[in-house]
Protein backbone atom coordinates (compact mmCIF):
# COMPACT_ATOMS: atom_id res chain seq x y z
CA MET A 1 -0.80 14.44 20.96
CA LEU A 2 -0.35 11.39 18.76
CA LYS A 3 -2.43 8.35 19.67
CA ALA A 4 -1.89 6.02 16.69
CA VAL A 5 0.17 5.45 13.57
CA PHE A 6 -1.31 4.52 10.20
CA VAL A 7 0.99 2.76 7.75
CA ASP A 8 0.71 1.62 4.14
CA TYR A 9 1.18 -2.06 3.28
CA THR A 10 2.79 -2.83 -0.09
CA GLY A 11 5.85 -0.72 -0.77
CA THR A 12 6.11 0.53 2.82
CA ILE A 13 6.21 -2.44 5.20
CA ILE A 14 6.08 -5.17 2.52
CA LYS A 15 8.35 -5.28 -0.53
CA GLU A 16 6.99 -5.09 -4.06
CA GLU A 17 9.01 -8.15 -4.99
CA GLY A 18 9.35 -11.84 -4.30
CA PRO A 19 9.19 -15.14 -6.20
CA ASP A 20 5.48 -14.96 -6.94
CA ILE A 21 5.45 -11.51 -8.54
CA ARG A 22 8.65 -12.37 -10.44
CA GLU A 23 6.82 -15.42 -11.80
CA VAL A 24 3.91 -13.24 -12.95
CA ILE A 25 6.23 -10.76 -14.68
CA ARG A 26 8.25 -13.50 -16.38
CA ARG A 27 5.26 -15.46 -17.63
CA THR A 28 3.30 -12.44 -18.86
CA TYR A 29 6.36 -11.10 -20.68
CA GLU A 30 7.44 -14.40 -22.21
CA ASN A 31 3.94 -15.30 -23.38
CA SER A 32 2.75 -12.00 -24.83
CA ASP A 33 3.72 -9.37 -27.39
CA ILE A 34 5.10 -6.94 -24.78
CA GLU A 35 8.66 -5.83 -25.56
CA SER A 36 10.33 -6.22 -22.15
CA PRO A 37 9.68 -7.18 -18.51
CA GLN A 38 9.97 -3.49 -17.59
CA ALA A 39 7.33 -2.59 -20.18
CA MET A 40 5.10 -5.33 -18.77
CA VAL A 41 5.32 -3.87 -15.27
CA ALA A 42 4.58 -0.35 -16.54
CA TYR A 43 1.67 -1.60 -18.64
CA TRP A 44 0.14 -3.51 -15.73
CA TRP A 45 0.49 -0.63 -13.24
CA ARG A 46 -1.11 1.80 -15.70
CA LEU A 47 -4.15 -0.47 -16.08
CA LEU A 48 -4.32 -1.17 -12.36
CA ASN A 49 -4.26 2.52 -11.47
CA GLU A 50 -6.97 3.25 -14.04
CA TYR A 51 -9.26 0.60 -12.60
CA GLU A 52 -8.65 1.55 -8.99
CA GLU A 53 -9.35 5.22 -9.72
CA LYS A 54 -12.77 4.49 -11.20
CA SER A 55 -13.67 1.78 -8.71
CA PHE A 56 -15.86 3.30 -5.99
CA GLY A 57 -19.21 2.61 -4.34
CA SER A 58 -21.60 0.79 -6.67
CA SER A 59 -18.80 0.59 -9.27
CA TYR A 60 -16.34 -0.97 -6.82
CA MET A 61 -14.28 -3.94 -7.98
CA SER A 62 -12.15 -5.93 -5.56
CA GLU A 63 -8.46 -6.45 -6.26
CA ASP A 64 -9.29 -10.04 -7.24
CA ASP A 65 -11.96 -8.82 -9.67
CA ILE A 66 -9.55 -6.27 -11.13
CA VAL A 67 -6.82 -8.86 -11.64
CA GLU A 68 -9.24 -11.11 -13.50
CA GLU A 69 -10.35 -8.21 -15.70
CA LEU A 70 -6.78 -7.06 -16.40
CA LEU A 71 -5.73 -10.55 -17.43
CA LYS A 72 -8.59 -10.55 -19.95
CA ILE A 73 -7.40 -7.17 -21.26
CA CYS A 74 -3.86 -8.55 -21.56
CA GLU A 75 -5.21 -11.43 -23.61
CA LYS A 76 -6.89 -9.00 -26.03
CA GLU A 77 -4.35 -6.17 -26.19
CA ILE A 78 -0.96 -7.86 -25.92
CA HIS A 79 -2.10 -11.36 -26.91
CA LEU A 80 -1.22 -12.97 -23.61
CA LYS A 81 -1.36 -16.75 -23.87
CA GLU A 82 -1.30 -17.98 -20.29
CA ASN A 83 -3.30 -19.76 -17.62
CA PRO A 84 -5.22 -16.92 -15.91
CA LYS A 85 -6.11 -19.00 -12.84
CA GLU A 86 -2.46 -19.79 -12.20
CA LEU A 87 -1.42 -16.16 -12.61
CA HIS A 88 -4.24 -15.01 -10.34
CA ALA A 89 -3.12 -17.49 -7.69
CA ALA A 90 0.42 -16.13 -7.97
CA PHE A 91 -0.90 -12.62 -7.33
CA GLN A 92 -2.72 -13.86 -4.24
CA ARG A 93 0.45 -15.50 -2.93
CA PHE A 94 2.31 -12.26 -3.56
CA TRP A 95 -0.23 -10.27 -1.53
CA MET A 96 0.23 -12.69 1.38
CA TYR A 97 3.84 -13.83 1.25
CA ALA A 98 5.93 -11.05 -0.29
CA PRO A 99 8.85 -10.39 2.07
CA ALA A 100 8.80 -7.61 4.63
CA TYR A 101 11.36 -4.83 4.54
CA GLU A 102 14.30 -5.29 6.86
CA ASP A 103 13.15 -2.43 9.11
CA THR A 104 9.53 -3.60 9.44
CA ALA A 105 9.90 -5.94 12.42
CA ALA A 106 11.90 -3.35 14.36
CA PHE A 107 9.31 -0.70 13.56
CA PHE A 108 6.48 -2.86 14.93
CA LYS A 109 8.53 -3.72 18.01
CA GLU A 110 9.72 -0.20 18.82
CA CYS A 111 6.71 1.91 17.87
CA PRO A 112 5.20 3.26 21.12
CA LEU A 113 1.75 3.69 19.57
CA PRO A 114 -0.83 1.30 18.05
CA ILE A 115 -0.15 0.61 14.37
CA TYR A 116 -3.01 0.40 11.87
CA ILE A 117 -2.36 -0.89 8.35
CA ILE A 118 -4.15 0.85 5.47
CA SER A 119 -4.11 -1.04 2.18
CA ASN A 120 -5.79 -1.46 -1.19
CA ASN A 121 -5.45 -5.21 -0.77
CA ALA A 122 -8.20 -7.26 0.83
CA GLY A 123 -8.05 -7.71 4.59
CA LYS A 124 -7.91 -11.52 4.39
CA TYR A 125 -4.61 -11.39 2.49
CA ILE A 126 -3.06 -8.90 4.90
CA GLU A 127 -4.20 -10.94 7.90
CA GLU A 128 -2.44 -14.00 6.50
CA SER A 129 0.65 -11.91 5.78
CA MET A 130 0.73 -10.69 9.38
CA ARG A 131 0.44 -14.26 10.68
CA ASP A 132 3.17 -15.36 8.31
CA LYS A 133 5.53 -12.61 9.52
CA ASP A 134 4.47 -12.66 13.19
CA LEU A 135 3.47 -9.00 13.12
CA HIS A 136 0.60 -7.68 15.19
CA PRO A 137 -1.09 -4.48 14.02
CA ALA A 138 -3.85 -2.96 16.12
CA GLY A 139 -6.11 -3.07 13.08
CA ILE A 140 -6.30 -3.48 9.30
CA ILE A 141 -8.25 -1.10 7.09
CA SER A 142 -8.66 -2.40 3.56
CA SER A 143 -10.31 -1.09 0.42
CA ASP A 144 -13.08 -3.69 0.58
CA MET A 145 -14.26 -2.20 3.89
CA VAL A 146 -15.28 1.07 2.22
CA ARG A 147 -15.51 0.01 -1.43
CA ALA A 148 -12.86 2.51 -2.45
CA TYR A 149 -9.11 2.67 -3.04
CA LYS A 150 -6.48 5.09 -1.82
CA PRO A 151 -6.12 8.01 -2.23
CA HIS A 152 -9.90 8.28 -1.70
CA ARG A 153 -10.41 9.98 1.64
CA ALA A 154 -13.06 7.41 2.64
CA VAL A 155 -10.29 4.86 3.24
CA PHE A 156 -8.50 7.16 5.67
CA GLU A 157 -11.72 8.26 7.34
CA LYS A 158 -12.54 4.60 7.95
CA ALA A 159 -9.13 4.20 9.60
CA LEU A 160 -9.94 7.11 11.90
CA GLU A 161 -13.25 5.46 12.77
CA VAL A 162 -11.62 2.09 13.49
CA SER A 163 -8.83 3.61 15.56
CA GLY A 164 -11.14 5.96 17.44
CA CYS A 165 -8.79 8.85 16.70
CA SER A 166 -9.25 12.27 15.19
CA ALA A 167 -7.16 13.40 12.21
CA ASP A 168 -4.80 15.46 14.38
CA GLU A 169 -4.06 12.46 16.61
CA VAL A 170 -2.50 10.25 13.93
CA ILE A 171 0.13 10.24 11.21
CA HIS A 172 0.12 8.17 8.03
CA ILE A 173 3.36 6.62 6.76
CA GLY A 174 3.62 5.51 3.14
CA ASP A 175 5.86 5.32 0.10
CA SER A 176 3.50 6.76 -2.53
CA VAL A 177 3.03 10.49 -3.05
CA SER A 178 -0.25 10.04 -4.91
CA SER A 179 -1.85 7.32 -2.76
CA ASP A 180 -0.39 7.94 0.68
CA VAL A 181 0.65 11.58 0.92
CA GLU A 182 -2.23 13.04 -1.08
CA GLY A 183 -4.75 10.63 0.41
CA ALA A 184 -3.72 11.46 3.97
CA LYS A 185 -3.81 15.18 3.23
CA ALA A 186 -7.33 14.88 1.83
CA ALA A 187 -8.41 13.47 5.20
CA LYS A 188 -6.41 16.19 7.03
CA ILE A 189 -3.96 13.60 8.38
CA GLN A 190 -0.25 14.41 8.70
CA PRO A 191 1.63 12.34 6.04
CA VAL A 192 5.13 10.92 6.38
CA LEU A 193 6.83 9.81 3.17
CA VAL A 194 9.17 6.80 3.24
CA ASP A 195 11.88 7.14 0.62
CA ARG A 196 14.43 4.39 1.19
CA GLY A 197 16.43 5.42 -1.86
CA GLY A 198 16.83 8.95 -0.61
CA LYS A 199 15.83 10.37 -4.00
CA SER A 200 12.61 12.24 -3.19
CA SER A 201 12.22 15.67 -1.71
CA LEU A 202 8.64 16.78 -1.22
CA GLU A 203 8.16 20.29 0.05
CA GLY A 204 6.10 20.49 3.20
CA VAL A 205 6.18 16.73 3.87
CA LEU A 206 8.36 14.96 6.42
CA THR A 207 10.47 12.36 4.59
CA VAL A 208 12.39 9.48 6.17
CA LYS A 209 14.69 6.82 4.70
CA SER A 210 13.63 4.06 7.08
CA LEU A 211 10.60 3.16 9.15
CA THR A 212 12.72 3.17 12.27
CA ASP A 213 13.76 6.77 11.55
CA ILE A 214 10.26 7.83 12.53
CA ILE A 215 10.38 6.26 16.02
CA PRO A 216 12.31 9.06 17.79
CA LEU A 217 10.15 11.61 15.98
CA ILE A 218 6.99 9.91 17.23
CA ASN A 219 8.32 10.00 20.78
CA ALA A 220 8.97 13.74 20.48
CA TRP A 221 6.07 14.68 18.20
CA PRO A 222 5.17 18.33 18.75
CA ALA A 223 1.77 19.58 19.74
CA ASP A 224 2.14 21.99 16.81
CA ARG A 225 2.22 19.68 13.80
CA GLY A 226 3.38 22.54 11.65
CA GLN A 227 6.91 22.08 12.98
CA TYR A 228 7.41 19.17 10.58
CA ASN A 229 5.91 21.05 7.64
CA LYS A 230 8.54 23.77 7.50
């Protein structure tokens, strides 16, 4: 029996776009040696993923610390000539004020179970985002609580602790195969992949095109979780 729903933040309930992140992309592209805005995004995500993967325990760096470090790397490697404090502030605004997906409010309203947000962003930014969007999760589990980033199982295990649920009493909804699906599986939690573009097909994983598509499935979730893995 399901008792709670875990859900990813950026890319799942909150869009990876908005005026602040567009400002960052434009300024870093225009004031560096990078060849295109698309290359800038790819370059940044590669560095971010590298730092998050090696950031754990005593080596943990917060998202704010990582942004500061990556801006220094950009200055050295692609000769970025920008104001790092202003760019960092734009990232912080993005974490708080990026727009929600159109189905997010309905999902929060219609979900019959408590919703817990799991994110690599700091809790203080997500809390402000929830106030800004008038959304009310039952809890927020952030990387800074366990000094690790998804897909590390410690993040998901902390969510189980906070929710008071066992792994077979929750599902985790997210848009990333590597962070959300694989991370949930590592903690023995049933993953649900959100693919709004309808382009992904992951064998053995329930995939939906909208957050609201999961509502009727939650209401009829089988005791045998394997039904959705066929």
